[in-house]
PDB file of all heavy atoms in Angstrom:
ATOM      1  N   ASN A   1      -4.435   5.640  12.491  1.00  0.00           N
ATOM      2  CA  ASN A   1      -4.529   5.784  13.936  1.00  0.00           C
ATOM      3  C   ASN A   1      -4.652   4.422  14.615  1.00  0.00           C
ATOM      4  O   ASN A   1      -4.044   4.187  15.664  1.00  0.00           O
ATOM      5  CB  ASN A   1      -5.708   6.673  14.301  1.00  0.00           C
ATOM      6  CG  ASN A   1      -5.726   7.069  15.753  1.00  0.00           C
ATOM      7  OD1 ASN A   1      -4.674   7.272  16.360  1.00  0.00           O
ATOM      8  ND2 ASN A   1      -6.922   7.193  16.312  1.00  0.00           N
ATOM      9  N   ALA A   2      -5.431   3.540  14.019  1.00  0.00           N
ATOM     10  CA  ALA A   2      -5.432   2.141  14.433  1.00  0.00           C
ATOM     11  C   ALA A   2      -4.190   1.486  13.851  1.00  0.00           C
ATOM     12  O   ALA A   2      -3.988   1.508  12.639  1.00  0.00           O
ATOM     13  CB  ALA A   2      -6.692   1.434  13.958  1.00  0.00           C
ATOM     14  N   LYS A   3      -3.359   0.916  14.695  1.00  0.00           N
ATOM     15  CA  LYS A   3      -2.054   0.436  14.254  1.00  0.00           C
ATOM     16  C   LYS A   3      -2.152  -0.641  13.192  1.00  0.00           C
ATOM     17  O   LYS A   3      -1.248  -0.782  12.365  1.00  0.00           O
ATOM     18  CB  LYS A   3      -1.243  -0.063  15.450  1.00  0.00           C
ATOM     19  CG  LYS A   3       0.222  -0.291  15.145  1.00  0.00           C
ATOM     20  CD  LYS A   3       1.013  -0.554  16.405  1.00  0.00           C
ATOM     21  CE  LYS A   3       2.498  -0.693  16.113  1.00  0.00           C
ATOM     22  NZ  LYS A   3       3.276  -0.917  17.352  1.00  0.00           N
ATOM     23  N   ASN A   4      -3.231  -1.396  13.187  1.00  0.00           N
ATOM     24  CA  ASN A   4      -3.398  -2.453  12.211  1.00  0.00           C
ATOM     25  C   ASN A   4      -4.033  -1.969  10.914  1.00  0.00           C
ATOM     26  O   ASN A   4      -4.436  -2.776  10.086  1.00  0.00           O
ATOM     27  CB  ASN A   4      -4.225  -3.598  12.794  1.00  0.00           C
ATOM     28  CG  ASN A   4      -3.483  -4.350  13.881  1.00  0.00           C
ATOM     29  OD1 ASN A   4      -2.250  -4.366  13.916  1.00  0.00           O
ATOM     30  ND2 ASN A   4      -4.226  -4.996  14.759  1.00  0.00           N
ATOM     31  N   THR A   5      -4.111  -0.654  10.730  1.00  0.00           N
ATOM     32  CA  THR A   5      -4.649  -0.069   9.520  1.00  0.00           C
ATOM     33  C   THR A   5      -3.523   0.494   8.667  1.00  0.00           C
ATOM     34  O   THR A   5      -2.697   1.265   9.150  1.00  0.00           O
ATOM     35  CB  THR A   5      -5.655   1.047   9.845  1.00  0.00           C
ATOM     36  OG1 THR A   5      -6.750   0.509  10.588  1.00  0.00           O
ATOM     37  CG2 THR A   5      -6.189   1.668   8.564  1.00  0.00           C
ATOM     38  N   LEU A   6      -3.481   0.098   7.417  1.00  0.00           N
ATOM     39  CA  LEU A   6      -2.494   0.577   6.460  1.00  0.00           C
ATOM     40  C   LEU A   6      -3.188   1.494   5.460  1.00  0.00           C
ATOM     41  O   LEU A   6      -4.267   1.169   4.960  1.00  0.00           O
ATOM     42  CB  LEU A   6      -1.842  -0.594   5.733  1.00  0.00           C
ATOM     43  CG  LEU A   6      -0.734  -0.250   4.738  1.00  0.00           C
ATOM     44  CD1 LEU A   6       0.500   0.259   5.475  1.00  0.00           C
ATOM     45  CD2 LEU A   6      -0.389  -1.460   3.876  1.00  0.00           C
ATOM     46  N   LEU A   7      -2.563   2.632   5.169  1.00  0.00           N
ATOM     47  CA  LEU A   7      -3.134   3.618   4.271  1.00  0.00           C
ATOM     48  C   LEU A   7      -2.225   3.859   3.075  1.00  0.00           C
ATOM     49  O   LEU A   7      -1.009   3.731   3.167  1.00  0.00           O
ATOM     50  CB  LEU A   7      -3.351   4.945   5.004  1.00  0.00           C
ATOM     51  CG  LEU A   7      -4.161   4.910   6.299  1.00  0.00           C
ATOM     52  CD1 LEU A   7      -4.176   6.285   6.933  1.00  0.00           C
ATOM     53  CD2 LEU A   7      -5.576   4.419   6.030  1.00  0.00           C
ATOM     54  N   LEU A   8      -2.823   4.220   1.961  1.00  0.00           N
ATOM     55  CA  LEU A   8      -2.076   4.686   0.800  1.00  0.00           C
ATOM     56  C   LEU A   8      -2.765   5.941   0.287  1.00  0.00           C
ATOM     57  O   LEU A   8      -3.858   5.859  -0.273  1.00  0.00           O
ATOM     58  CB  LEU A   8      -2.004   3.625  -0.299  1.00  0.00           C
ATOM     59  CG  LEU A   8      -1.163   4.026  -1.518  1.00  0.00           C
ATOM     60  CD1 LEU A   8       0.316   4.118  -1.139  1.00  0.00           C
ATOM     61  CD2 LEU A   8      -1.356   3.054  -2.675  1.00  0.00           C
ATOM     62  N   GLN A   9      -2.138   7.079   0.509  1.00  0.00           N
ATOM     63  CA  GLN A   9      -2.639   8.342  -0.011  1.00  0.00           C
ATOM     64  C   GLN A   9      -2.057   8.545  -1.402  1.00  0.00           C
ATOM     65  O   GLN A   9      -0.839   8.574  -1.573  1.00  0.00           O
ATOM     66  CB  GLN A   9      -2.247   9.500   0.906  1.00  0.00           C
ATOM     67  CG  GLN A   9      -2.723  10.860   0.428  1.00  0.00           C
ATOM     68  CD  GLN A   9      -4.232  10.986   0.452  1.00  0.00           C
ATOM     69  OE1 GLN A   9      -4.870  10.588   1.412  1.00  0.00           O
ATOM     70  NE2 GLN A   9      -4.803  11.531  -0.620  1.00  0.00           N
ATOM     71  N   MET A  10      -2.921   8.677  -2.395  1.00  0.00           N
ATOM     72  CA  MET A  10      -2.505   8.815  -3.784  1.00  0.00           C
ATOM     73  C   MET A  10      -2.940  10.186  -4.278  1.00  0.00           C
ATOM     74  O   MET A  10      -4.137  10.469  -4.367  1.00  0.00           O
ATOM     75  CB  MET A  10      -3.113   7.708  -4.647  1.00  0.00           C
ATOM     76  CG  MET A  10      -2.794   6.306  -4.156  1.00  0.00           C
ATOM     77  SD  MET A  10      -3.407   5.021  -5.278  1.00  0.00           S
ATOM     78  CE  MET A  10      -5.176   5.238  -5.067  1.00  0.00           C
ATOM     79  N   ASN A  11      -1.971  11.037  -4.590  1.00  0.00           N
ATOM     80  CA  ASN A  11      -2.232  12.380  -5.083  1.00  0.00           C
ATOM     81  C   ASN A  11      -1.746  12.529  -6.510  1.00  0.00           C
ATOM     82  O   ASN A  11      -0.895  11.766  -6.973  1.00  0.00           O
ATOM     83  CB  ASN A  11      -1.541  13.420  -4.189  1.00  0.00           C
ATOM     84  CG  ASN A  11      -2.077  13.448  -2.781  1.00  0.00           C
ATOM     85  OD1 ASN A  11      -3.256  13.190  -2.544  1.00  0.00           O
ATOM     86  ND2 ASN A  11      -1.202  13.774  -1.825  1.00  0.00           N
ATOM     87  N   ASN A  12      -2.273  13.547  -7.201  1.00  0.00           N
ATOM     88  CA  ASN A  12      -1.885  13.821  -8.582  1.00  0.00           C
ATOM     89  C   ASN A  12      -1.932  12.558  -9.427  1.00  0.00           C
ATOM     90  O   ASN A  12      -0.980  12.221 -10.135  1.00  0.00           O
ATOM     91  CB  ASN A  12      -0.495  14.457  -8.625  1.00  0.00           C
ATOM     92  CG  ASN A  12      -0.152  15.030  -9.989  1.00  0.00           C
ATOM     93  OD1 ASN A  12      -1.035  15.371 -10.776  1.00  0.00           O
ATOM     94  ND2 ASN A  12       1.137  15.131 -10.280  1.00  0.00           N
ATOM     95  N   LEU A  13      -3.055  11.873  -9.368  1.00  0.00           N
ATOM     96  CA  LEU A  13      -3.190  10.610 -10.082  1.00  0.00           C
ATOM     97  C   LEU A  13      -3.123  10.814 -11.592  1.00  0.00           C
ATOM     98  O   LEU A  13      -3.583  11.829 -12.119  1.00  0.00           O
ATOM     99  CB  LEU A  13      -4.489   9.926  -9.695  1.00  0.00           C
ATOM    100  CG  LEU A  13      -4.454   9.252  -8.318  1.00  0.00           C
ATOM    101  CD1 LEU A  13      -5.860   9.013  -7.797  1.00  0.00           C
ATOM    102  CD2 LEU A  13      -3.674   7.942  -8.398  1.00  0.00           C
ATOM    103  N   LYS A  14      -2.547   9.827 -12.257  1.00  0.00           N
ATOM    104  CA  LYS A  14      -2.378   9.841 -13.702  1.00  0.00           C
ATOM    105  C   LYS A  14      -3.079   8.630 -14.310  1.00  0.00           C
ATOM    106  O   LYS A  14      -3.257   7.619 -13.638  1.00  0.00           O
ATOM    107  CB  LYS A  14      -0.890   9.806 -14.060  1.00  0.00           C
ATOM    108  CG  LYS A  14      -0.078  10.933 -13.451  1.00  0.00           C
ATOM    109  CD  LYS A  14       1.403  10.778 -13.762  1.00  0.00           C
ATOM    110  CE  LYS A  14       2.206  11.914 -13.176  1.00  0.00           C
ATOM    111  NZ  LYS A  14       3.652  11.780 -13.490  1.00  0.00           N
ATOM    112  N   PRO A  15      -3.460   8.709 -15.593  1.00  0.00           N
ATOM    113  CA  PRO A  15      -4.113   7.556 -16.219  1.00  0.00           C
ATOM    114  C   PRO A  15      -3.293   6.272 -16.100  1.00  0.00           C
ATOM    115  O   PRO A  15      -3.871   5.187 -15.959  1.00  0.00           O
ATOM    116  CB  PRO A  15      -4.270   7.991 -17.678  1.00  0.00           C
ATOM    117  CG  PRO A  15      -4.411   9.469 -17.598  1.00  0.00           C
ATOM    118  CD  PRO A  15      -3.479   9.890 -16.488  1.00  0.00           C
ATOM    119  N   GLU A  16      -1.975   6.367 -16.135  1.00  0.00           N
ATOM    120  CA  GLU A  16      -1.137   5.184 -16.022  1.00  0.00           C
ATOM    121  C   GLU A  16      -1.150   4.565 -14.632  1.00  0.00           C
ATOM    122  O   GLU A  16      -0.601   3.476 -14.432  1.00  0.00           O
ATOM    123  CB  GLU A  16       0.312   5.490 -16.441  1.00  0.00           C
ATOM    124  CG  GLU A  16       0.908   6.698 -15.740  1.00  0.00           C
ATOM    125  CD  GLU A  16       0.816   7.962 -16.576  1.00  0.00           C
ATOM    126  OE1 GLU A  16      -0.248   8.200 -17.183  1.00  0.00           O
ATOM    127  OE2 GLU A  16       1.807   8.714 -16.620  1.00  0.00           O
ATOM    128  N   ASP A  17      -1.767   5.230 -13.651  1.00  0.00           N
ATOM    129  CA  ASP A  17      -1.950   4.643 -12.334  1.00  0.00           C
ATOM    130  C   ASP A  17      -3.134   3.685 -12.286  1.00  0.00           C
ATOM    131  O   ASP A  17      -3.340   3.010 -11.269  1.00  0.00           O
ATOM    132  CB  ASP A  17      -2.150   5.730 -11.274  1.00  0.00           C
ATOM    133  CG  ASP A  17      -0.922   6.594 -11.080  1.00  0.00           C
ATOM    134  OD1 ASP A  17       0.206   6.054 -11.074  1.00  0.00           O
ATOM    135  OD2 ASP A  17      -1.091   7.825 -10.929  1.00  0.00           O
ATOM    136  N   THR A  18      -3.925   3.632 -13.342  1.00  0.00           N
ATOM    137  CA  THR A  18      -5.076   2.740 -13.386  1.00  0.00           C
ATOM    138  C   THR A  18      -4.622   1.295 -13.211  1.00  0.00           C
ATOM    139  O   THR A  18      -3.759   0.806 -13.944  1.00  0.00           O
ATOM    140  CB  THR A  18      -5.834   2.901 -14.704  1.00  0.00           C
ATOM    141  OG1 THR A  18      -6.379   4.217 -14.782  1.00  0.00           O
ATOM    142  CG2 THR A  18      -6.963   1.886 -14.817  1.00  0.00           C
ATOM    143  N   ALA A  19      -5.184   0.608 -12.216  1.00  0.00           N
ATOM    144  CA  ALA A  19      -4.774  -0.762 -11.907  1.00  0.00           C
ATOM    145  C   ALA A  19      -5.645  -1.305 -10.793  1.00  0.00           C
ATOM    146  O   ALA A  19      -6.398  -0.571 -10.139  1.00  0.00           O
ATOM    147  CB  ALA A  19      -3.305  -0.814 -11.483  1.00  0.00           C
ATOM    148  N   MET A  20      -5.541  -2.609 -10.579  1.00  0.00           N
ATOM    149  CA  MET A  20      -6.062  -3.218  -9.370  1.00  0.00           C
ATOM    150  C   MET A  20      -4.982  -3.093  -8.300  1.00  0.00           C
ATOM    151  O   MET A  20      -3.834  -3.501  -8.519  1.00  0.00           O
ATOM    152  CB  MET A  20      -6.422  -4.682  -9.603  1.00  0.00           C
ATOM    153  CG  MET A  20      -7.075  -5.360  -8.408  1.00  0.00           C
ATOM    154  SD  MET A  20      -8.786  -4.830  -8.148  1.00  0.00           S
ATOM    155  CE  MET A  20      -9.597  -5.640  -9.532  1.00  0.00           C
ATOM    156  N   TYR A  21      -5.338  -2.529  -7.164  1.00  0.00           N
ATOM    157  CA  TYR A  21      -4.390  -2.319  -6.081  1.00  0.00           C
ATOM    158  C   TYR A  21      -4.645  -3.324  -4.966  1.00  0.00           C
ATOM    159  O   TYR A  21      -5.770  -3.469  -4.489  1.00  0.00           O
ATOM    160  CB  TYR A  21      -4.498  -0.895  -5.534  1.00  0.00           C
ATOM    161  CG  TYR A  21      -3.852   0.135  -6.427  1.00  0.00           C
ATOM    162  CD1 TYR A  21      -4.442   0.510  -7.624  1.00  0.00           C
ATOM    163  CD2 TYR A  21      -2.642   0.725  -6.078  1.00  0.00           C
ATOM    164  CE1 TYR A  21      -3.843   1.437  -8.454  1.00  0.00           C
ATOM    165  CE2 TYR A  21      -2.039   1.662  -6.901  1.00  0.00           C
ATOM    166  CZ  TYR A  21      -2.645   2.012  -8.088  1.00  0.00           C
ATOM    167  OH  TYR A  21      -2.052   2.940  -8.908  1.00  0.00           O
ATOM    168  N   TYR A  22      -3.585  -4.011  -4.549  1.00  0.00           N
ATOM    169  CA  TYR A  22      -3.660  -5.024  -3.511  1.00  0.00           C
ATOM    170  C   TYR A  22      -2.878  -4.584  -2.279  1.00  0.00           C
ATOM    171  O   TYR A  22      -1.735  -4.132  -2.390  1.00  0.00           O
ATOM    172  CB  TYR A  22      -3.080  -6.354  -4.002  1.00  0.00           C
ATOM    173  CG  TYR A  22      -3.812  -6.958  -5.176  1.00  0.00           C
ATOM    174  CD1 TYR A  22      -3.447  -6.646  -6.476  1.00  0.00           C
ATOM    175  CD2 TYR A  22      -4.863  -7.845  -4.973  1.00  0.00           C
ATOM    176  CE1 TYR A  22      -4.113  -7.195  -7.555  1.00  0.00           C
ATOM    177  CE2 TYR A  22      -5.531  -8.400  -6.046  1.00  0.00           C
ATOM    178  CZ  TYR A  22      -5.151  -8.073  -7.336  1.00  0.00           C
ATOM    179  OH  TYR A  22      -5.810  -8.628  -8.404  1.00  0.00           O
ATOM    180  N   CYS A  23      -3.482  -4.734  -1.121  1.00  0.00           N
ATOM    181  CA  CYS A  23      -2.788  -4.595   0.139  1.00  0.00           C
ATOM    182  C   CYS A  23      -2.082  -5.914   0.431  1.00  0.00           C
ATOM    183  O   CYS A  23      -2.636  -6.988   0.184  1.00  0.00           O
ATOM    184  CB  CYS A  23      -3.785  -4.261   1.246  1.00  0.00           C
ATOM    185  SG  CYS A  23      -3.075  -4.073   2.890  1.00  0.00           S
ATOM    186  N   ALA A  24      -0.863  -5.850   0.935  1.00  0.00           N
ATOM    187  CA  ALA A  24      -0.092  -7.058   1.184  1.00  0.00           C
ATOM    188  C   ALA A  24       0.752  -6.905   2.443  1.00  0.00           C
ATOM    189  O   ALA A  24       1.125  -5.793   2.829  1.00  0.00           O
ATOM    190  CB  ALA A  24       0.802  -7.378  -0.014  1.00  0.00           C
ATOM    191  N   ALA A  25       1.062  -8.036   3.080  1.00  0.00           N
ATOM    192  CA  ALA A  25       1.861  -8.025   4.301  1.00  0.00           C
ATOM    193  C   ALA A  25       2.705  -9.282   4.372  1.00  0.00           C
ATOM    194  O   ALA A  25       2.406 -10.295   3.742  1.00  0.00           O
ATOM    195  CB  ALA A  25       0.965  -7.919   5.540  1.00  0.00           C
ATOM    196  N   ASP A  26       3.766  -9.210   5.178  1.00  0.00           N
ATOM    197  CA  ASP A  26       4.658 -10.351   5.364  1.00  0.00           C
ATOM    198  C   ASP A  26       5.218 -10.318   6.770  1.00  0.00           C
ATOM    199  O   ASP A  26       5.484  -9.232   7.301  1.00  0.00           O
ATOM    200  CB  ASP A  26       5.782 -10.328   4.330  1.00  0.00           C
ATOM    201  CG  ASP A  26       6.462 -11.682   4.181  1.00  0.00           C
ATOM    202  OD1 ASP A  26       5.834 -12.592   3.611  1.00  0.00           O
ATOM    203  OD2 ASP A  26       7.612 -11.824   4.627  1.00  0.00           O
ATOM    204  N   ARG A  27       5.424 -11.497   7.374  1.00  0.00           N
ATOM    205  CA  ARG A  27       5.879 -11.564   8.751  1.00  0.00           C
ATOM    206  C   ARG A  27       7.383 -11.789   8.887  1.00  0.00           C
ATOM    207  O   ARG A  27       7.894 -11.772  10.009  1.00  0.00           O
ATOM    208  CB  ARG A  27       5.122 -12.654   9.515  1.00  0.00           C
ATOM    209  CG  ARG A  27       5.362 -14.065   9.019  1.00  0.00           C
ATOM    210  CD  ARG A  27       4.469 -15.035   9.801  1.00  0.00           C
ATOM    211  NE  ARG A  27       4.783 -15.014  11.226  1.00  0.00           N
ATOM    212  CZ  ARG A  27       3.943 -15.396  12.188  1.00  0.00           C
ATOM    213  NH1 ARG A  27       2.735 -15.823  11.868  1.00  0.00           N
ATOM    214  NH2 ARG A  27       4.317 -15.343  13.454  1.00  0.00           N
ATOM    215  N   ARG A  28       8.094 -11.988   7.830  1.00  0.00           N
ATOM    216  CA  ARG A  28       9.536 -12.194   7.926  1.00  0.00           C
ATOM    217  C   ARG A  28      10.222 -10.918   8.391  1.00  0.00           C
ATOM    218  O   ARG A  28       9.953  -9.829   7.879  1.00  0.00           O
ATOM    219  CB  ARG A  28      10.110 -12.670   6.591  1.00  0.00           C
ATOM    220  CG  ARG A  28       9.741 -14.103   6.267  1.00  0.00           C
ATOM    221  CD  ARG A  28      10.163 -14.495   4.862  1.00  0.00           C
ATOM    222  NE  ARG A  28       9.316 -13.883   3.858  1.00  0.00           N
ATOM    223  CZ  ARG A  28       9.401 -14.131   2.560  1.00  0.00           C
ATOM    224  NH1 ARG A  28      10.318 -14.981   2.110  1.00  0.00           N
ATOM    225  NH2 ARG A  28       8.587 -13.525   1.712  1.00  0.00           N
ATOM    226  N   ALA A  29      11.143 -11.061   9.357  1.00  0.00           N
ATOM    227  CA  ALA A  29      11.774  -9.921  10.001  1.00  0.00           C
ATOM    228  C   ALA A  29      13.126  -9.562   9.408  1.00  0.00           C
ATOM    229  O   ALA A  29      13.736  -8.572   9.829  1.00  0.00           O
ATOM    230  CB  ALA A  29      11.935 -10.196  11.498  1.00  0.00           C
ATOM    231  N   TYR A  30      13.598 -10.333   8.443  1.00  0.00           N
ATOM    232  CA  TYR A  30      14.956 -10.171   7.940  1.00  0.00           C
ATOM    233  C   TYR A  30      15.038  -9.620   6.520  1.00  0.00           C
ATOM    234  O   TYR A  30      16.118  -9.614   5.919  1.00  0.00           O
ATOM    235  CB  TYR A  30      15.700 -11.512   8.006  1.00  0.00           C
ATOM    236  CG  TYR A  30      14.952 -12.669   7.399  1.00  0.00           C
ATOM    237  CD1 TYR A  30      15.054 -12.962   6.050  1.00  0.00           C
ATOM    238  CD2 TYR A  30      14.133 -13.480   8.196  1.00  0.00           C
ATOM    239  CE1 TYR A  30      14.359 -14.024   5.501  1.00  0.00           C
ATOM    240  CE2 TYR A  30      13.444 -14.544   7.651  1.00  0.00           C
ATOM    241  CZ  TYR A  30      13.556 -14.808   6.300  1.00  0.00           C
ATOM    242  OH  TYR A  30      12.868 -15.866   5.754  1.00  0.00           O
ATOM    243  N   LEU A  31      13.911  -9.147   5.979  1.00  0.00           N
ATOM    244  CA  LEU A  31      13.887  -8.588   4.637  1.00  0.00           C
ATOM    245  C   LEU A  31      13.553  -7.107   4.705  1.00  0.00           C
ATOM    246  O   LEU A  31      12.594  -6.713   5.358  1.00  0.00           O
ATOM    247  CB  LEU A  31      12.869  -9.316   3.763  1.00  0.00           C
ATOM    248  CG  LEU A  31      13.106 -10.802   3.531  1.00  0.00           C
ATOM    249  CD1 LEU A  31      11.947 -11.410   2.751  1.00  0.00           C
ATOM    250  CD2 LEU A  31      14.421 -11.016   2.795  1.00  0.00           C
ATOM    251  N   ALA A  32      14.328  -6.292   4.009  1.00  0.00           N
ATOM    252  CA  ALA A  32      14.089  -4.862   3.948  1.00  0.00           C
ATOM    253  C   ALA A  32      13.018  -4.552   2.917  1.00  0.00           C
ATOM    254  O   ALA A  32      12.683  -5.375   2.066  1.00  0.00           O
ATOM    255  CB  ALA A  32      15.380  -4.125   3.615  1.00  0.00           C
TER     256      ALA A  32
END
């Protein structure tokens, strides 16, 4: 709801999803 908030909803988690998760961002406008 706050535009500067990024969410990741993770459902049906599996053991292989175990990891350190990093939020990341980039300001370049020309990369898909």
